[in-house]
Amino acid sequence: MAISTDICTIEDIRRTCGIESSEIEDDDVSRLITEGVEITENYLNTAIQPRLIIESLDGQLGSENNIIFTKKMPILRLEQVKVDTTTVSPQYVKIYSGGKLVLTDDAEETEWDTSELQSNIIKYYYGLLEESRTDTTTSEAITTPTANDILKVTSTNGMKVGQWVRIQGMDGYNEVTQIEAVSTVNSTITVDLYYPHENDSIVTIMQYPYRIRRFVEIIVSLMMVARIVGASYKDVVGYGIEEFNVQKGEPYTQWRETYNQLNNERLELKKSIRPMPSMA
């Protein structure tokens, strides 16, 4: 899966570091954004944008054998679950923080398989999304959830294909899903649903956390400043005609200050960003 550059834009980077296209072209900035996202994801030990993965996991012995932990987190959405040879409907698996999955009493299997190693297969999306301040409500209940369900909402403002939304109501049902189509005329969005949802459920657009987006912007900006400084050795800093001399000044000192300010912000952001734990 290709890493998306919608986590931050080329304009975001230029606004942060002040480097114009005459110095570093847009294509180069785009490649640096991809590299900056990879660096950030490696540090966080998780994906920023939603990523689909399949894991084969061991069941755990003991009194809580209805619990299993995925290796990646946070979990956004379960796609498929199989316990040994039995397919389990995702709506019968509760998702908790820390990659914890719990089989409910209504599930096709109520315990994870422990008879063989890696006999529990989980297909799921994970990634660092949080709720934005843009939300709406459902204007009609969904009683029989299906794939490609048409969900009526009071407003489609701010919604577009590819976005992720959280649907949650007082009926206790809560799920994250991706928008497949938007109709502003009918005020509907098309999504895959596992749960029924009552009328007036809240539909919230998900977004990348600001601190993560800003961290990527700073990382990329630092790489761009380093490139500018590295190329400045060939800059003309003075002229001389006979006894007359004109000095332009060395640009390195200005770029050094820019680098220091950006790096200080990176260090402050890093204090507030906690990497996800590694699961063996």
Protein backbone atom coordinates (compact mmCIF):
# COMPACT_ATOMS: atom_id res chain seq x y z
CA MET A 1 0.00 0.00 0.00
CA ALA A 2 1.49 3.32 -1.09
CA ILE A 3 1.99 5.93 1.60
CA SER A 4 -0.32 8.86 1.06
CA THR A 5 0.87 12.46 1.10
CA ASP A 6 -2.49 13.75 2.35
CA ILE A 7 -1.14 13.63 5.90
CA CYS A 8 0.44 16.96 5.03
CA THR A 9 0.66 18.87 1.77
CA ILE A 10 3.51 20.42 -0.16
CA GLU A 11 2.07 23.83 0.77
CA ASP A 12 2.16 22.86 4.47
CA ILE A 13 5.86 22.04 4.18
CA ARG A 14 6.76 25.22 2.33
CA ARG A 15 4.85 27.31 4.84
CA THR A 16 6.78 25.64 7.68
CA CYS A 17 10.31 25.88 6.30
CA GLY A 18 10.04 28.87 3.92
CA ILE A 19 11.75 27.09 1.03
CA GLU A 20 10.25 27.93 -2.37
CA SER A 21 9.88 25.78 -5.49
CA SER A 22 12.82 27.59 -7.13
CA GLU A 23 15.05 25.92 -4.53
CA ILE A 24 13.44 22.46 -4.22
CA GLU A 25 10.86 21.25 -6.74
CA ASP A 26 7.42 19.93 -5.78
CA ASP A 27 8.26 16.37 -6.87
CA ASP A 28 11.22 16.32 -4.51
CA VAL A 29 9.10 17.67 -1.66
CA SER A 30 6.51 14.95 -2.32
CA ARG A 31 9.20 12.27 -2.07
CA LEU A 32 10.48 13.81 1.17
CA ILE A 33 6.94 13.74 2.61
CA THR A 34 6.76 10.01 1.88
CA GLU A 35 10.12 9.55 3.60
CA GLY A 36 9.02 11.71 6.54
CA VAL A 37 5.87 9.63 7.01
CA GLU A 38 7.91 6.42 7.01
CA ILE A 39 10.34 7.84 9.58
CA THR A 40 7.43 8.91 11.80
CA GLU A 41 5.63 5.57 11.49
CA ASN A 42 8.82 3.69 12.37
CA TYR A 43 9.20 5.83 15.48
CA LEU A 44 5.53 5.44 16.48
CA ASN A 45 5.55 1.69 15.73
CA THR A 46 2.22 2.00 13.92
CA ALA A 47 0.63 3.33 10.75
CA ILE A 48 -0.60 6.91 10.56
CA GLN A 49 -3.07 6.39 7.74
CA PRO A 50 -5.31 3.29 7.93
CA ARG A 51 -3.56 0.12 6.80
CA LEU A 52 -5.02 -3.34 6.18
CA ILE A 53 -3.23 -6.35 7.65
CA ILE A 54 -3.84 -10.08 8.17
CA GLU A 55 -2.41 -11.78 11.27
CA SER A 56 -2.37 -15.40 12.36
CA LEU A 57 -2.38 -15.46 16.15
CA ASP A 58 -2.06 -18.00 18.93
CA GLY A 59 -4.93 -18.38 21.37
CA GLN A 60 -4.05 -17.92 25.02
CA LEU A 61 -4.55 -20.65 27.57
CA GLY A 62 -6.30 -19.93 30.85
CA SER A 63 -9.58 -18.60 32.13
CA GLU A 64 -9.75 -15.71 29.65
CA ASN A 65 -9.48 -17.66 26.41
CA ASN A 66 -12.10 -15.43 24.78
CA ILE A 67 -9.44 -12.67 24.68
CA ILE A 68 -6.69 -12.21 22.12
CA PHE A 69 -4.30 -9.36 21.30
CA THR A 70 -3.31 -8.16 17.84
CA LYS A 71 0.26 -7.14 17.08
CA LYS A 72 -0.72 -3.80 15.57
CA MET A 73 -2.76 -1.02 17.15
CA PRO A 74 -4.89 0.99 17.42
CA ILE A 75 -7.48 -1.17 15.68
CA LEU A 76 -9.92 0.83 13.56
CA ARG A 77 -12.06 -1.87 12.01
CA LEU A 78 -12.27 -5.66 11.78
CA GLU A 79 -12.78 -7.03 8.28
CA GLN A 80 -12.72 -10.80 8.75
CA VAL A 81 -12.23 -13.16 11.70
CA LYS A 82 -11.63 -16.90 11.61
CA VAL A 83 -11.21 -19.17 14.64
CA ASP A 84 -9.58 -22.34 13.32
CA THR A 85 -11.99 -23.24 10.49
CA THR A 86 -14.99 -21.26 11.77
CA THR A 87 -15.75 -17.80 10.37
CA VAL A 88 -16.83 -15.39 13.09
CA SER A 89 -18.93 -12.33 12.29
CA PRO A 90 -16.94 -9.17 13.18
CA GLN A 91 -19.95 -7.70 15.00
CA TYR A 92 -19.54 -10.40 17.64
CA VAL A 93 -15.98 -9.34 18.45
CA LYS A 94 -15.53 -6.40 20.82
CA ILE A 95 -12.60 -4.06 20.11
CA TYR A 96 -10.70 -2.49 23.01
CA SER A 97 -7.62 -0.29 23.28
CA GLY A 98 -4.24 -1.97 23.20
CA GLY A 99 -5.23 -4.34 20.37
CA LYS A 100 -7.53 -6.35 22.63
CA LEU A 101 -10.26 -8.44 20.96
CA VAL A 102 -12.98 -10.21 22.96
CA LEU A 103 -15.38 -12.82 21.57
CA THR A 104 -18.92 -12.25 22.81
CA ASP A 105 -21.33 -14.96 23.92
CA ASP A 106 -23.25 -14.54 20.63
CA ALA A 107 -20.24 -15.30 18.45
CA GLU A 108 -20.04 -18.42 16.27
CA GLU A 109 -17.10 -19.40 18.49
CA THR A 110 -16.88 -18.08 22.04
CA GLU A 111 -13.24 -19.01 22.62
CA TRP A 112 -10.11 -18.46 20.53
CA ASP A 113 -8.54 -21.68 19.27
CA THR A 114 -5.63 -23.05 21.29
CA SER A 115 -5.37 -26.49 19.67
CA GLU A 116 -2.87 -25.27 17.07
CA LEU A 117 -0.45 -22.39 16.75
CA GLN A 118 -1.49 -19.36 14.70
CA SER A 119 -4.94 -20.82 14.08
CA ASN A 120 -6.79 -17.55 14.74
CA ILE A 121 -6.77 -15.36 11.64
CA ILE A 122 -7.66 -11.66 11.93
CA LYS A 123 -7.97 -9.24 9.03
CA TYR A 124 -8.23 -5.67 10.22
CA TYR A 125 -7.45 -2.00 9.66
CA TYR A 126 -5.24 -0.14 12.09
CA GLY A 127 -3.94 3.42 12.17
CA LEU A 128 -3.75 6.70 14.05
CA LEU A 129 -7.04 8.45 13.45
CA GLU A 130 -8.95 10.63 15.89
CA GLU A 131 -12.36 12.27 15.82
CA SER A 132 -12.56 15.69 14.17
CA ARG A 133 -14.94 18.49 15.10
CA THR A 134 -16.99 17.84 11.95
CA ASP A 135 -19.98 15.63 12.59
CA THR A 136 -23.60 15.06 11.67
CA THR A 137 -26.36 12.65 12.72
CA THR A 138 -28.25 9.86 11.03
CA SER A 139 -31.75 10.82 9.89
CA GLU A 140 -32.97 7.25 9.50
CA ALA A 141 -32.26 4.06 11.44
CA ILE A 142 -30.34 1.12 9.97
CA THR A 143 -31.97 -2.09 11.18
CA THR A 144 -30.25 -4.61 8.89
CA PRO A 145 -26.60 -3.65 8.31
CA THR A 146 -24.97 -4.72 5.04
CA ALA A 147 -22.04 -3.96 2.78
CA ASN A 148 -22.53 -0.84 0.64
CA ASP A 149 -25.25 0.37 2.98
CA ILE A 150 -26.79 3.75 2.19
CA LEU A 151 -26.83 5.81 5.37
CA LYS A 152 -29.06 8.87 5.50
CA VAL A 153 -27.56 11.81 7.38
CA THR A 154 -28.73 15.31 8.20
CA SER A 155 -25.77 16.86 6.38
CA THR A 156 -22.93 15.72 4.12
CA ASN A 157 -20.88 18.90 4.61
CA GLY A 158 -17.17 18.11 4.73
CA MET A 159 -17.67 14.49 3.72
CA LYS A 160 -15.93 12.94 0.72
CA VAL A 161 -15.09 9.53 -0.71
CA GLY A 162 -12.22 7.80 1.08
CA GLN A 163 -12.74 9.47 4.44
CA TRP A 164 -13.22 7.43 7.59
CA VAL A 165 -16.13 8.10 9.93
CA ARG A 166 -17.20 6.89 13.34
CA ILE A 167 -20.88 6.01 13.84
CA GLN A 168 -22.04 5.85 17.44
CA GLY A 169 -25.41 5.99 19.15
CA MET A 170 -27.12 5.56 22.48
CA ASP A 171 -28.03 2.01 21.39
CA GLY A 172 -24.45 1.06 22.27
CA TYR A 173 -23.30 0.36 18.72
CA ASN A 174 -20.03 1.96 17.67
CA GLU A 175 -18.01 1.35 14.52
CA VAL A 176 -15.48 3.02 12.24
CA THR A 177 -15.95 2.65 8.49
CA GLN A 178 -14.85 4.25 5.22
CA ILE A 179 -17.03 6.37 2.94
CA GLU A 180 -17.46 4.78 -0.50
CA ALA A 181 -19.85 7.35 -2.02
CA VAL A 182 -21.45 10.66 -1.08
CA SER A 183 -24.75 12.05 -2.40
CA THR A 184 -25.29 15.71 -1.55
CA VAL A 185 -28.66 15.60 -3.35
CA ASN A 186 -30.06 12.78 -1.22
CA SER A 187 -27.91 13.60 1.82
CA THR A 188 -26.54 10.05 2.05
CA ILE A 189 -23.20 8.30 2.36
CA THR A 190 -22.45 4.75 1.26
CA VAL A 191 -20.53 2.66 3.80
CA ASP A 192 -20.02 -0.93 4.90
CA LEU A 193 -21.80 -1.60 8.20
CA TYR A 194 -21.61 -4.45 10.68
CA TYR A 195 -24.02 -3.06 13.27
CA PRO A 196 -27.55 -1.63 13.27
CA HIS A 197 -27.67 2.06 14.09
CA GLU A 198 -30.53 4.00 15.59
CA ASN A 199 -31.84 7.26 14.21
CA ASP A 200 -29.91 10.28 15.51
CA SER A 201 -26.63 8.36 15.87
CA ILE A 202 -23.61 10.63 15.66
CA VAL A 203 -21.48 10.38 12.50
CA THR A 204 -18.05 11.97 13.00
CA ILE A 205 -15.35 12.46 10.37
CA MET A 206 -12.02 11.00 11.47
CA GLN A 207 -8.76 12.85 10.93
CA TYR A 208 -5.01 12.51 11.44
CA PRO A 209 -3.98 13.83 14.89
CA TYR A 210 -2.62 17.38 14.67
CA ARG A 211 0.56 16.61 16.63
CA ILE A 212 1.37 13.72 14.28
CA ARG A 213 0.78 15.84 11.17
CA ARG A 214 2.90 18.63 12.61
CA PHE A 215 5.67 16.16 13.53
CA VAL A 216 5.80 14.97 9.90
CA GLU A 217 5.89 18.59 8.69
CA ILE A 218 8.84 19.34 10.98
CA ILE A 219 10.75 16.19 9.96
CA VAL A 220 10.34 16.99 6.25
CA SER A 221 11.21 20.66 6.78
CA LEU A 222 14.42 19.67 8.57
CA MET A 223 15.39 17.44 5.64
CA MET A 224 14.74 20.29 3.23
CA VAL A 225 16.82 22.76 5.24
CA ALA A 226 19.65 20.22 5.40
CA ARG A 227 19.52 19.90 1.61
CA ILE A 228 19.62 23.67 1.16
CA VAL A 229 22.61 24.01 3.48
CA GLY A 230 24.39 21.15 1.75
CA ALA A 231 23.97 22.83 -1.64
CA SER A 232 25.02 26.29 -0.42
CA TYR A 233 28.76 25.61 -0.78
CA LYS A 234 28.56 26.81 -4.39
CA ASP A 235 26.64 30.00 -3.60
CA VAL A 236 28.42 33.25 -4.50
CA VAL A 237 28.81 35.27 -1.30
CA GLY A 238 30.91 38.17 -2.56
CA TYR A 239 32.14 40.08 -5.60
CA GLY A 240 35.41 41.87 -6.28
CA ILE A 241 36.24 44.30 -9.08
CA GLU A 242 39.75 45.69 -8.75
CA GLU A 243 39.83 47.48 -5.41
CA PHE A 244 36.04 47.27 -4.88
CA ASN A 245 34.54 44.36 -2.90
CA VAL A 246 30.92 43.54 -2.08
CA GLN A 247 29.93 40.87 0.43
CA LYS A 248 26.43 39.31 0.36
CA GLY A 249 26.86 37.37 3.56
CA GLU A 250 26.90 33.64 4.15
CA PRO A 251 23.32 32.15 4.08
CA TYR A 252 24.38 29.27 6.33
CA THR A 253 23.86 31.31 9.51
CA GLN A 254 20.20 32.04 8.65
CA TRP A 255 19.51 28.42 7.73
CA ARG A 256 21.24 27.26 10.91
CA GLU A 257 18.84 29.35 12.98
CA THR A 258 15.88 28.00 11.00
CA TYR A 259 17.10 24.44 11.56
CA ASN A 260 17.55 25.03 15.29
CA GLN A 261 14.04 26.45 15.69
CA LEU A 262 12.49 23.54 13.78
CA ASN A 263 14.52 20.98 15.70
CA ASN A 264 13.50 22.51 19.03
CA GLU A 265 9.85 22.15 18.03
CA ARG A 266 10.51 18.55 16.95
CA LEU A 267 11.97 17.76 20.37
CA GLU A 268 8.99 19.32 22.17
CA LEU A 269 6.51 17.42 20.00
CA LYS A 270 8.40 14.18 20.56
CA LYS A 271 7.83 14.52 24.31
CA SER A 272 4.05 14.47 23.77
CA ILE A 273 3.95 11.62 21.25
CA ARG A 274 4.01 8.12 22.69
CA PRO A 275 5.05 5.19 20.45
CA MET A 276 2.79 2.14 20.41
CA PRO A 277 4.09 -0.90 22.33
CA SER A 278 5.60 -3.77 20.38
CA MET A 279 3.71 -7.06 20.49
CA ALA A 280 5.81 -10.16 19.83
